[in-house]
Structure formats: C-alpha cells, structure tokens
Amino acid sequence: MLIRSFRLGDYVHITRIWQETGLEQTETETLDALAKQLAWDSDLVMIAEHEGEVAGVIVGTIDGTRGYF
C-alpha cells in the first residue's frame, strides 16, 4: 500500500468511497474546499493507494476541529 498526497484527479475516487461507506459529504469536502486545503498544506489530505487504485483517504482540516479516515 502506498500513502501519498491527494491530487485533484483523486476526487471522483474519494467521493465514491464516501458514498459506499455512508459518510456524508459536507461543504469542507467539496472539490473547491479540498483545493484550498491543498494550497494551504498539501499534507492535509492523504490517499491510500493499493495496486494503482485509490483505496482510502485521510482528511485533516485547517481549523483543527476534526479529521477522519
């Protein structure tokens, strides 16, 4: 398994993961919000990749009040 920084092209894969796991997407997980997070600190959103496929995501926040994986 490879852990790497999020790329905007990963967005479609992580939204699928969120839907499949029943996690509700909020305003902080929109493509624009994630792009702002990446501009501020590229390590706030990390991707787990297995055999070339996105298998998971870890999201931190700028305000420091929450995070999830």
N, C-alpha and C. Protein backbone atom coordinates (compact mmCIF):
# COMPACT_ATOMS: atom_id res chain seq x y z
N MET A 1 0.85 -1.17 0.00
CA MET A 1 0.00 0.00 0.00
C MET A 1 0.90 1.23 0.00
N LEU A 2 0.50 2.21 -0.77
CA LEU A 2 1.21 3.48 -0.90
C LEU A 2 0.35 4.58 -0.28
N ILE A 3 0.94 5.39 0.59
CA ILE A 3 0.27 6.57 1.13
C ILE A 3 0.91 7.77 0.46
N ARG A 4 0.09 8.61 -0.14
CA ARG A 4 0.61 9.76 -0.89
C ARG A 4 -0.32 10.95 -0.73
N SER A 5 0.16 12.10 -1.18
CA SER A 5 -0.65 13.31 -1.15
C SER A 5 -1.79 13.20 -2.15
N PHE A 6 -2.89 13.86 -1.81
CA PHE A 6 -4.07 13.93 -2.66
C PHE A 6 -3.77 14.73 -3.92
N ARG A 7 -4.32 14.28 -5.03
CA ARG A 7 -4.30 15.02 -6.29
C ARG A 7 -5.75 15.27 -6.68
N LEU A 8 -6.00 16.41 -7.31
CA LEU A 8 -7.38 16.74 -7.65
C LEU A 8 -8.06 15.65 -8.47
N GLY A 9 -7.29 14.91 -9.26
CA GLY A 9 -7.84 13.80 -10.04
C GLY A 9 -8.37 12.66 -9.18
N ASP A 10 -8.02 12.65 -7.89
CA ASP A 10 -8.49 11.61 -6.96
C ASP A 10 -9.90 11.87 -6.47
N TYR A 11 -10.40 13.07 -6.70
CA TYR A 11 -11.67 13.48 -6.10
C TYR A 11 -12.81 12.51 -6.43
N VAL A 12 -12.93 12.09 -7.66
CA VAL A 12 -14.01 11.18 -8.04
C VAL A 12 -13.90 9.86 -7.27
N HIS A 13 -12.69 9.41 -7.01
CA HIS A 13 -12.49 8.15 -6.29
C HIS A 13 -12.84 8.28 -4.82
N ILE A 14 -12.45 9.40 -4.20
CA ILE A 14 -12.75 9.52 -2.78
C ILE A 14 -14.23 9.80 -2.53
N THR A 15 -14.90 10.49 -3.44
CA THR A 15 -16.34 10.68 -3.25
C THR A 15 -17.07 9.35 -3.37
N ARG A 16 -16.57 8.46 -4.22
CA ARG A 16 -17.16 7.10 -4.32
C ARG A 16 -16.97 6.36 -3.00
N ILE A 17 -15.78 6.46 -2.42
CA ILE A 17 -15.52 5.81 -1.13
C ILE A 17 -16.45 6.37 -0.06
N TRP A 18 -16.61 7.70 -0.03
CA TRP A 18 -17.50 8.31 0.96
C TRP A 18 -18.93 7.81 0.77
N GLN A 19 -19.40 7.70 -0.46
CA GLN A 19 -20.75 7.21 -0.72
C GLN A 19 -20.91 5.76 -0.30
N GLU A 20 -19.93 4.93 -0.64
CA GLU A 20 -20.01 3.50 -0.32
C GLU A 20 -19.96 3.23 1.17
N THR A 21 -19.30 4.09 1.93
CA THR A 21 -19.19 3.89 3.37
C THR A 21 -20.25 4.64 4.16
N GLY A 22 -21.11 5.38 3.46
CA GLY A 22 -22.18 6.09 4.13
C GLY A 22 -21.76 7.38 4.79
N LEU A 23 -20.56 7.85 4.50
CA LEU A 23 -20.09 9.11 5.05
C LEU A 23 -20.73 10.26 4.29
N GLU A 24 -21.32 11.17 5.01
CA GLU A 24 -21.96 12.30 4.37
C GLU A 24 -20.92 13.34 3.99
N GLN A 25 -20.96 13.76 2.76
CA GLN A 25 -20.05 14.79 2.27
C GLN A 25 -20.56 16.15 2.73
N THR A 26 -19.68 16.97 3.28
CA THR A 26 -20.06 18.30 3.74
C THR A 26 -19.38 19.35 2.87
N GLU A 27 -19.62 20.59 3.19
CA GLU A 27 -19.01 21.68 2.42
C GLU A 27 -17.49 21.63 2.47
N THR A 28 -16.92 21.07 3.53
CA THR A 28 -15.46 21.02 3.64
C THR A 28 -14.84 19.96 2.73
N GLU A 29 -15.67 19.11 2.12
CA GLU A 29 -15.16 18.08 1.23
C GLU A 29 -15.46 18.35 -0.23
N THR A 30 -15.91 19.53 -0.59
CA THR A 30 -16.13 19.84 -1.99
C THR A 30 -14.77 19.96 -2.68
N LEU A 31 -14.78 19.88 -3.98
CA LEU A 31 -13.53 19.99 -4.74
C LEU A 31 -12.86 21.33 -4.47
N ASP A 32 -13.62 22.41 -4.41
CA ASP A 32 -13.04 23.72 -4.13
C ASP A 32 -12.43 23.78 -2.74
N ALA A 33 -13.12 23.22 -1.75
CA ALA A 33 -12.60 23.24 -0.38
C ALA A 33 -11.32 22.42 -0.27
N LEU A 34 -11.30 21.26 -0.92
CA LEU A 34 -10.09 20.44 -0.88
C LEU A 34 -8.93 21.13 -1.59
N ALA A 35 -9.21 21.82 -2.68
CA ALA A 35 -8.16 22.57 -3.39
C ALA A 35 -7.58 23.65 -2.49
N LYS A 36 -8.43 24.34 -1.70
CA LYS A 36 -7.95 25.36 -0.77
C LYS A 36 -7.09 24.73 0.32
N GLN A 37 -7.52 23.57 0.83
CA GLN A 37 -6.73 22.88 1.84
C GLN A 37 -5.37 22.50 1.29
N LEU A 38 -5.34 22.01 0.06
CA LEU A 38 -4.08 21.62 -0.56
C LEU A 38 -3.16 22.81 -0.74
N ALA A 39 -3.73 23.96 -1.10
CA ALA A 39 -2.93 25.17 -1.27
C ALA A 39 -2.34 25.61 0.06
N TRP A 40 -3.06 25.39 1.15
CA TRP A 40 -2.61 25.80 2.47
C TRP A 40 -1.58 24.81 3.01
N ASP A 41 -1.88 23.52 2.89
CA ASP A 41 -0.98 22.46 3.39
C ASP A 41 -1.30 21.18 2.63
N SER A 42 -0.41 20.77 1.75
CA SER A 42 -0.68 19.61 0.90
C SER A 42 -0.77 18.30 1.67
N ASP A 43 -0.37 18.29 2.93
CA ASP A 43 -0.44 17.06 3.73
C ASP A 43 -1.75 16.91 4.50
N LEU A 44 -2.71 17.81 4.29
CA LEU A 44 -3.99 17.70 4.98
C LEU A 44 -4.87 16.60 4.40
N VAL A 45 -4.63 16.24 3.16
CA VAL A 45 -5.43 15.19 2.53
C VAL A 45 -4.46 14.16 1.96
N MET A 46 -4.53 12.95 2.50
CA MET A 46 -3.65 11.87 2.07
C MET A 46 -4.48 10.74 1.46
N ILE A 47 -3.90 10.08 0.48
CA ILE A 47 -4.56 9.00 -0.24
C ILE A 47 -3.84 7.68 0.02
N ALA A 48 -4.61 6.64 0.26
CA ALA A 48 -4.08 5.28 0.32
C ALA A 48 -4.34 4.66 -1.05
N GLU A 49 -3.29 4.15 -1.64
CA GLU A 49 -3.39 3.55 -2.97
C GLU A 49 -2.91 2.10 -2.89
N HIS A 50 -3.71 1.21 -3.44
CA HIS A 50 -3.37 -0.22 -3.45
C HIS A 50 -3.45 -0.74 -4.88
N GLU A 51 -2.35 -1.26 -5.37
CA GLU A 51 -2.27 -1.78 -6.73
C GLU A 51 -2.77 -0.77 -7.76
N GLY A 52 -2.39 0.50 -7.56
CA GLY A 52 -2.74 1.55 -8.51
C GLY A 52 -4.13 2.12 -8.37
N GLU A 53 -4.91 1.63 -7.42
CA GLU A 53 -6.28 2.11 -7.21
C GLU A 53 -6.38 2.85 -5.88
N VAL A 54 -7.18 3.91 -5.84
CA VAL A 54 -7.42 4.63 -4.60
C VAL A 54 -8.24 3.74 -3.68
N ALA A 55 -7.69 3.47 -2.49
CA ALA A 55 -8.34 2.55 -1.55
C ALA A 55 -8.80 3.25 -0.28
N GLY A 56 -8.34 4.48 -0.04
CA GLY A 56 -8.74 5.18 1.17
C GLY A 56 -8.28 6.62 1.14
N VAL A 57 -8.77 7.39 2.08
CA VAL A 57 -8.44 8.80 2.16
C VAL A 57 -8.41 9.22 3.63
N ILE A 58 -7.47 10.09 3.96
CA ILE A 58 -7.40 10.70 5.28
C ILE A 58 -7.52 12.20 5.05
N VAL A 59 -8.46 12.84 5.75
CA VAL A 59 -8.69 14.27 5.58
C VAL A 59 -8.50 14.97 6.91
N GLY A 60 -7.62 15.96 6.92
CA GLY A 60 -7.46 16.85 8.07
C GLY A 60 -8.13 18.17 7.74
N THR A 61 -8.21 19.05 8.71
CA THR A 61 -8.82 20.34 8.45
C THR A 61 -7.89 21.48 8.83
N ILE A 62 -8.14 22.61 8.23
CA ILE A 62 -7.33 23.79 8.52
C ILE A 62 -7.61 24.31 9.92
N ASP A 63 -8.87 24.25 10.35
CA ASP A 63 -9.22 24.80 11.65
C ASP A 63 -8.87 23.86 12.80
N GLY A 64 -8.50 22.62 12.50
CA GLY A 64 -8.07 21.68 13.53
C GLY A 64 -9.16 21.10 14.38
N THR A 65 -10.43 21.25 14.00
CA THR A 65 -11.51 20.75 14.84
C THR A 65 -11.91 19.31 14.55
N ARG A 66 -11.51 18.80 13.38
CA ARG A 66 -11.91 17.42 13.08
C ARG A 66 -11.03 16.85 11.99
N GLY A 67 -11.12 15.57 11.86
CA GLY A 67 -10.45 14.83 10.81
C GLY A 67 -11.05 13.45 10.77
N TYR A 68 -10.88 12.72 9.70
CA TYR A 68 -11.40 11.36 9.62
C TYR A 68 -10.61 10.57 8.59
N PHE A 69 -10.76 9.26 8.67
CA PHE A 69 -10.14 8.40 7.67
C PHE A 69 -11.11 7.30 7.29
